[in-house]
Amino acid sequence: MSEPSLKSALDGVWKMSERLKTAGVHHEIKSYRYDAISIFAHVPGEYWEIDFCENGSIDFEVYKSDGSIKDPAALDAAIQKIEALNEPKGKQCL
C-alpha cells in the first residue's frame, strides 16, 4: 500500500469543504495540528472538527451544547479557569 499523498489529502479537504458548502454548513479550514489539516464546521448547537491526517485517516469530533444559556459571571469564571491553567509555574529559564 502506498503512502498517502499531499494531493490526495488536499483533494479530501476540498471535497469535504464543497460538500459542507452545498449542505449550507458554515465552515473554516485551519491548521492547528502538526500532522493534519482541519475543517471546523458550525451547525446549530454543535461544532465539528474534521481532521485530515498525514497518514490518510480522518478524525471526526462533535462538540454539542447542553442548551443552557449562561450569564456573564459564568463567562468570567471560565476565562479565569483558563488563565490559571496558563500561568507560569515555578522558575523558568530564559
Protein backbone atom coordinates (compact mmCIF):
# COMPACT_ATOMS: atom_id res chain seq x y z
CA MET A 1 0.00 0.00 0.00
CA SER A 2 1.40 3.40 -0.92
CA GLU A 3 1.83 6.41 1.33
CA PRO A 4 -1.00 8.97 1.21
CA SER A 5 -0.01 11.89 -0.97
CA LEU A 6 -0.36 15.57 -0.22
CA LYS A 7 -2.54 15.87 -3.30
CA SER A 8 -4.96 13.18 -2.11
CA ALA A 9 -5.15 14.80 1.36
CA LEU A 10 -5.87 18.21 -0.14
CA ASP A 11 -8.42 16.67 -2.50
CA GLY A 12 -10.18 15.20 0.55
CA VAL A 13 -10.23 18.56 2.31
CA TRP A 14 -11.51 20.31 -0.82
CA LYS A 15 -14.24 17.72 -1.47
CA MET A 16 -15.43 17.90 2.16
CA SER A 17 -15.43 21.70 2.03
CA GLU A 18 -17.55 21.61 -1.12
CA ARG A 19 -19.92 19.07 0.45
CA LEU A 20 -20.36 21.24 3.55
CA LYS A 21 -20.87 24.34 1.39
CA THR A 22 -23.55 22.56 -0.67
CA ALA A 23 -25.27 21.48 2.58
CA GLY A 24 -25.23 25.09 3.82
CA VAL A 25 -22.83 24.39 6.69
CA HIS A 26 -20.59 27.32 7.67
CA HIS A 27 -17.01 26.07 7.98
CA GLU A 28 -13.37 27.12 8.01
CA ILE A 29 -10.20 25.31 7.01
CA LYS A 30 -7.47 25.63 9.65
CA SER A 31 -4.10 24.22 10.54
CA TYR A 32 -3.53 23.84 14.27
CA ARG A 33 -2.04 20.33 14.41
CA TYR A 34 1.40 19.45 13.12
CA ASP A 35 0.05 16.33 11.41
CA ALA A 36 -3.30 17.42 9.96
CA ILE A 37 -5.40 19.98 8.14
CA SER A 38 -8.69 20.64 9.90
CA ILE A 39 -12.14 21.81 8.98
CA PHE A 40 -14.18 23.48 11.72
CA ALA A 41 -17.88 23.28 10.88
CA HIS A 42 -20.65 25.09 12.75
CA VAL A 43 -24.24 23.87 12.90
CA PRO A 44 -26.96 24.90 15.38
CA GLY A 45 -25.99 23.71 18.87
CA GLU A 46 -22.81 21.96 17.70
CA TYR A 47 -19.46 22.40 16.13
CA TRP A 48 -17.45 19.73 14.38
CA GLU A 49 -13.72 19.19 13.98
CA ILE A 50 -12.83 17.18 10.91
CA ASP A 51 -9.09 16.44 10.77
CA PHE A 52 -7.44 15.12 7.61
CA CYS A 53 -4.30 13.47 8.97
CA GLU A 54 -0.98 13.00 7.19
CA ASN A 55 -1.33 9.21 7.49
CA GLY A 56 -4.52 9.35 5.40
CA SER A 57 -7.00 8.90 8.25
CA ILE A 58 -9.85 11.27 9.06
CA ASP A 59 -10.67 12.17 12.68
CA PHE A 60 -14.17 13.50 13.39
CA GLU A 61 -15.24 15.04 16.71
CA VAL A 62 -18.59 16.59 17.64
CA TYR A 63 -18.89 19.21 20.40
CA LYS A 64 -22.50 19.63 21.47
CA SER A 65 -24.13 22.36 23.53
CA ASP A 66 -26.15 21.36 26.58
CA GLY A 67 -28.64 24.04 25.55
CA SER A 68 -28.22 26.19 28.64
CA ILE A 69 -27.62 29.93 28.38
CA LYS A 70 -25.11 31.15 30.92
CA ASP A 71 -24.64 34.64 32.34
CA PRO A 72 -21.56 36.90 32.13
CA ALA A 73 -20.34 35.65 35.53
CA ALA A 74 -20.03 32.13 34.08
CA LEU A 75 -18.00 33.53 31.17
CA ASP A 76 -15.71 35.33 33.60
CA ALA A 77 -15.26 32.13 35.64
CA ALA A 78 -14.43 30.13 32.50
CA ILE A 79 -11.80 32.68 31.43
CA GLN A 80 -10.29 32.75 34.94
CA LYS A 81 -10.02 28.96 34.91
CA ILE A 82 -8.05 29.02 31.65
CA GLU A 83 -5.89 31.90 32.85
CA ALA A 84 -4.98 29.87 35.97
CA LEU A 85 -4.06 26.86 33.82
CA ASN A 86 -1.83 29.04 31.62
CA GLU A 87 0.02 30.81 34.46
CA PRO A 88 3.76 30.08 34.55
CA LYS A 89 4.68 27.54 37.21
CA GLY A 90 7.86 27.98 39.26
CA LYS A 91 11.21 29.13 37.89
CA GLN A 92 11.66 29.48 34.19
CA CYS A 93 14.87 29.56 32.22
CA LEU A 94 15.47 32.50 29.92
